[in-house]
Amino acid sequence: SRPAPHEKVTVIGLGPIGFLSALLHRLSGADVLSLDISPARRALAAKLGLATADSPESLHSVRPEGAEIVVDATGAPAVLCEAAGLV
């Protein structure tokens, strides 16, 4: 995707692909929020300056308006439906 600097991006899953996606989107100037259930991955994301959430519920409280771009980097088919609800 090619987000505009003002657009909101949510990245779900902070494995290697999710981290790369979050960092590249941030370089574009987008407002990036990342979601992962792993405390260690969220801690690393925070050290890299990424905003994080630990669950879809907390994500909705941080970003109730949703996002223009949602990246599902989990590889889990069940997450795709949840990701579609975040747009």
N, C-alpha and C. Protein backbone atom coordinates (compact mmCIF):
# COMPACT_ATOMS: atom_id res chain seq x y z
N SER A 1 0.84 -1.18 0.00
CA SER A 1 0.00 0.00 0.00
C SER A 1 0.89 1.24 0.00
N ARG A 2 0.30 2.32 -0.36
CA ARG A 2 1.01 3.61 -0.39
C ARG A 2 0.21 4.63 0.41
N PRO A 3 0.35 4.58 1.73
CA PRO A 3 -0.44 5.50 2.55
C PRO A 3 0.04 6.94 2.44
N ALA A 4 -0.92 7.83 2.55
CA ALA A 4 -0.60 9.25 2.64
C ALA A 4 -0.15 9.53 4.07
N PRO A 5 0.62 10.59 4.28
CA PRO A 5 1.13 10.87 5.62
C PRO A 5 0.06 10.98 6.71
N HIS A 6 -1.13 11.38 6.37
CA HIS A 6 -2.18 11.56 7.39
C HIS A 6 -2.99 10.28 7.64
N GLU A 7 -2.81 9.26 6.83
CA GLU A 7 -3.64 8.06 6.94
C GLU A 7 -3.24 7.20 8.13
N LYS A 8 -4.25 6.48 8.65
CA LYS A 8 -4.05 5.57 9.76
C LYS A 8 -3.86 4.15 9.23
N VAL A 9 -2.81 3.48 9.73
CA VAL A 9 -2.49 2.12 9.33
C VAL A 9 -2.47 1.25 10.58
N THR A 10 -3.13 0.10 10.53
CA THR A 10 -3.07 -0.87 11.61
C THR A 10 -2.41 -2.12 11.08
N VAL A 11 -1.37 -2.58 11.77
CA VAL A 11 -0.66 -3.80 11.41
C VAL A 11 -0.95 -4.84 12.47
N ILE A 12 -1.50 -5.98 12.06
CA ILE A 12 -1.83 -7.05 12.98
C ILE A 12 -0.78 -8.15 12.83
N GLY A 13 -0.07 -8.43 13.90
CA GLY A 13 0.97 -9.45 13.89
C GLY A 13 2.34 -8.82 13.73
N LEU A 14 3.19 -9.00 14.72
CA LEU A 14 4.51 -8.39 14.70
C LEU A 14 5.62 -9.42 14.58
N GLY A 15 5.44 -10.33 13.65
CA GLY A 15 6.55 -11.20 13.26
C GLY A 15 7.42 -10.39 12.31
N PRO A 16 8.34 -11.03 11.62
CA PRO A 16 9.22 -10.30 10.70
C PRO A 16 8.48 -9.49 9.64
N ILE A 17 7.45 -10.06 9.05
CA ILE A 17 6.70 -9.36 8.00
C ILE A 17 5.91 -8.20 8.60
N GLY A 18 5.29 -8.41 9.74
CA GLY A 18 4.54 -7.33 10.39
C GLY A 18 5.43 -6.17 10.82
N PHE A 19 6.59 -6.49 11.41
CA PHE A 19 7.51 -5.43 11.79
C PHE A 19 7.97 -4.63 10.57
N LEU A 20 8.35 -5.33 9.52
CA LEU A 20 8.80 -4.65 8.31
C LEU A 20 7.69 -3.76 7.75
N SER A 21 6.48 -4.29 7.72
CA SER A 21 5.35 -3.51 7.22
C SER A 21 5.10 -2.28 8.08
N ALA A 22 5.11 -2.45 9.40
CA ALA A 22 4.86 -1.31 10.30
C ALA A 22 5.93 -0.24 10.13
N LEU A 23 7.19 -0.66 10.05
CA LEU A 23 8.27 0.32 9.92
C LEU A 23 8.24 1.02 8.57
N LEU A 24 7.95 0.29 7.50
CA LEU A 24 7.87 0.91 6.17
C LEU A 24 6.70 1.89 6.09
N HIS A 25 5.56 1.51 6.66
CA HIS A 25 4.42 2.42 6.66
C HIS A 25 4.72 3.67 7.47
N ARG A 26 5.42 3.50 8.59
CA ARG A 26 5.79 4.66 9.40
C ARG A 26 6.72 5.59 8.63
N LEU A 27 7.64 5.02 7.85
CA LEU A 27 8.54 5.85 7.04
C LEU A 27 7.78 6.73 6.06
N SER A 28 6.60 6.28 5.64
CA SER A 28 5.79 7.07 4.71
C SER A 28 5.13 8.25 5.41
N GLY A 29 5.19 8.27 6.74
CA GLY A 29 4.55 9.34 7.51
C GLY A 29 3.18 8.96 8.03
N ALA A 30 2.75 7.74 7.75
CA ALA A 30 1.43 7.30 8.22
C ALA A 30 1.43 7.13 9.74
N ASP A 31 0.25 7.19 10.32
CA ASP A 31 0.03 6.97 11.74
C ASP A 31 -0.16 5.47 11.93
N VAL A 32 0.87 4.77 12.43
CA VAL A 32 0.86 3.31 12.50
C VAL A 32 0.56 2.85 13.92
N LEU A 33 -0.35 1.89 14.01
CA LEU A 33 -0.66 1.21 15.27
C LEU A 33 -0.51 -0.28 15.01
N SER A 34 0.23 -0.97 15.86
CA SER A 34 0.46 -2.40 15.67
C SER A 34 -0.20 -3.20 16.78
N LEU A 35 -0.65 -4.39 16.42
CA LEU A 35 -1.37 -5.27 17.34
C LEU A 35 -0.67 -6.62 17.38
N ASP A 36 -0.36 -7.09 18.59
CA ASP A 36 0.20 -8.43 18.74
C ASP A 36 -0.11 -8.91 20.15
N ILE A 37 -0.32 -10.21 20.31
CA ILE A 37 -0.62 -10.75 21.64
C ILE A 37 0.65 -11.01 22.45
N SER A 38 1.81 -10.98 21.82
CA SER A 38 3.07 -11.26 22.50
C SER A 38 3.61 -10.01 23.20
N PRO A 39 3.76 -10.07 24.53
CA PRO A 39 4.34 -8.92 25.24
C PRO A 39 5.75 -8.59 24.76
N ALA A 40 6.54 -9.61 24.43
CA ALA A 40 7.91 -9.37 23.97
C ALA A 40 7.92 -8.62 22.64
N ARG A 41 7.05 -8.99 21.74
CA ARG A 41 6.98 -8.30 20.44
C ARG A 41 6.48 -6.87 20.60
N ARG A 42 5.50 -6.68 21.49
CA ARG A 42 5.01 -5.31 21.73
C ARG A 42 6.10 -4.46 22.36
N ALA A 43 6.88 -5.04 23.26
CA ALA A 43 7.97 -4.29 23.90
C ALA A 43 9.01 -3.88 22.86
N LEU A 44 9.35 -4.77 21.95
CA LEU A 44 10.30 -4.43 20.90
C LEU A 44 9.73 -3.34 20.00
N ALA A 45 8.45 -3.45 19.67
CA ALA A 45 7.81 -2.42 18.85
C ALA A 45 7.86 -1.06 19.54
N ALA A 46 7.60 -1.05 20.84
CA ALA A 46 7.64 0.21 21.59
C ALA A 46 9.05 0.80 21.58
N LYS A 47 10.08 -0.05 21.70
CA LYS A 47 11.46 0.43 21.64
C LYS A 47 11.78 1.05 20.28
N LEU A 48 11.10 0.55 19.25
CA LEU A 48 11.30 1.08 17.90
C LEU A 48 10.39 2.27 17.61
N GLY A 49 9.62 2.69 18.61
CA GLY A 49 8.78 3.87 18.45
C GLY A 49 7.41 3.61 17.86
N LEU A 50 6.99 2.36 17.84
CA LEU A 50 5.67 2.03 17.29
C LEU A 50 4.63 1.99 18.41
N ALA A 51 3.46 2.52 18.14
CA ALA A 51 2.35 2.40 19.07
C ALA A 51 1.81 0.98 18.98
N THR A 52 1.42 0.41 20.12
CA THR A 52 0.96 -0.98 20.12
C THR A 52 -0.34 -1.15 20.90
N ALA A 53 -1.00 -2.26 20.59
CA ALA A 53 -2.18 -2.70 21.33
C ALA A 53 -2.05 -4.21 21.48
N ASP A 54 -2.72 -4.76 22.52
CA ASP A 54 -2.56 -6.19 22.78
C ASP A 54 -3.77 -7.04 22.42
N SER A 55 -4.86 -6.40 22.04
CA SER A 55 -6.07 -7.16 21.69
C SER A 55 -6.95 -6.30 20.79
N PRO A 56 -7.86 -6.94 20.06
CA PRO A 56 -8.78 -6.14 19.24
C PRO A 56 -9.60 -5.16 20.07
N GLU A 57 -9.93 -5.55 21.31
CA GLU A 57 -10.72 -4.65 22.17
C GLU A 57 -9.91 -3.40 22.52
N SER A 58 -8.64 -3.58 22.89
CA SER A 58 -7.83 -2.42 23.21
C SER A 58 -7.54 -1.59 21.97
N LEU A 59 -7.44 -2.25 20.84
CA LEU A 59 -7.24 -1.54 19.58
C LEU A 59 -8.42 -0.62 19.31
N HIS A 60 -9.63 -1.12 19.53
CA HIS A 60 -10.82 -0.30 19.30
C HIS A 60 -10.87 0.90 20.25
N SER A 61 -10.36 0.75 21.47
CA SER A 61 -10.38 1.88 22.39
C SER A 61 -9.32 2.92 22.01
N VAL A 62 -8.20 2.47 21.44
CA VAL A 62 -7.15 3.40 21.01
C VAL A 62 -7.52 4.07 19.69
N ARG A 63 -8.13 3.30 18.80
CA ARG A 63 -8.46 3.81 17.47
C ARG A 63 -9.90 3.44 17.12
N PRO A 64 -10.88 4.08 17.80
CA PRO A 64 -12.28 3.72 17.57
C PRO A 64 -12.77 4.03 16.15
N GLU A 65 -12.11 4.96 15.48
CA GLU A 65 -12.55 5.33 14.13
C GLU A 65 -12.06 4.37 13.05
N GLY A 66 -11.24 3.38 13.42
CA GLY A 66 -10.72 2.42 12.45
C GLY A 66 -9.47 2.95 11.76
N ALA A 67 -9.16 2.36 10.63
CA ALA A 67 -7.96 2.74 9.88
C ALA A 67 -8.25 2.67 8.39
N GLU A 68 -7.52 3.49 7.64
CA GLU A 68 -7.67 3.44 6.18
C GLU A 68 -7.02 2.18 5.60
N ILE A 69 -5.95 1.72 6.25
CA ILE A 69 -5.22 0.55 5.77
C ILE A 69 -5.04 -0.41 6.93
N VAL A 70 -5.36 -1.69 6.71
CA VAL A 70 -5.13 -2.74 7.71
C VAL A 70 -4.29 -3.82 7.06
N VAL A 71 -3.17 -4.15 7.71
CA VAL A 71 -2.27 -5.20 7.23
C VAL A 71 -2.39 -6.39 8.17
N ASP A 72 -2.81 -7.54 7.64
CA ASP A 72 -2.85 -8.76 8.43
C ASP A 72 -1.58 -9.54 8.14
N ALA A 73 -0.65 -9.54 9.08
CA ALA A 73 0.63 -10.24 8.91
C ALA A 73 0.72 -11.45 9.85
N THR A 74 -0.43 -12.00 10.22
CA THR A 74 -0.43 -13.12 11.16
C THR A 74 -0.29 -14.47 10.48
N GLY A 75 -0.80 -14.59 9.28
CA GLY A 75 -0.82 -15.89 8.62
C GLY A 75 -1.92 -16.80 9.14
N ALA A 76 -2.80 -16.27 9.97
CA ALA A 76 -3.89 -17.05 10.55
C ALA A 76 -5.20 -16.69 9.85
N PRO A 77 -5.82 -17.64 9.13
CA PRO A 77 -7.05 -17.33 8.39
C PRO A 77 -8.15 -16.74 9.27
N ALA A 78 -8.25 -17.16 10.51
CA ALA A 78 -9.31 -16.66 11.39
C ALA A 78 -9.19 -15.17 11.68
N VAL A 79 -7.99 -14.62 11.54
CA VAL A 79 -7.77 -13.22 11.84
C VAL A 79 -8.28 -12.32 10.71
N LEU A 80 -8.38 -12.84 9.51
CA LEU A 80 -8.77 -12.04 8.36
C LEU A 80 -10.13 -11.38 8.57
N CYS A 81 -11.10 -12.09 9.09
CA CYS A 81 -12.43 -11.50 9.33
C CYS A 81 -12.35 -10.38 10.36
N GLU A 82 -11.57 -10.58 11.40
CA GLU A 82 -11.39 -9.54 12.42
C GLU A 82 -10.72 -8.31 11.80
N ALA A 83 -9.72 -8.54 10.95
CA ALA A 83 -9.00 -7.44 10.31
C ALA A 83 -9.93 -6.63 9.42
N ALA A 84 -10.82 -7.28 8.72
CA ALA A 84 -11.75 -6.58 7.85
C ALA A 84 -12.67 -5.65 8.65
N GLY A 85 -12.94 -5.98 9.88
CA GLY A 85 -13.78 -5.13 10.73
C GLY A 85 -13.07 -3.91 11.27
N LEU A 86 -11.78 -3.80 11.05
CA LEU A 86 -11.01 -2.66 11.56
C LEU A 86 -10.92 -1.52 10.58
N VAL A 87 -11.37 -1.73 9.37
CA VAL A 87 -11.26 -0.70 8.33
C VAL A 87 -12.36 0.31 8.52
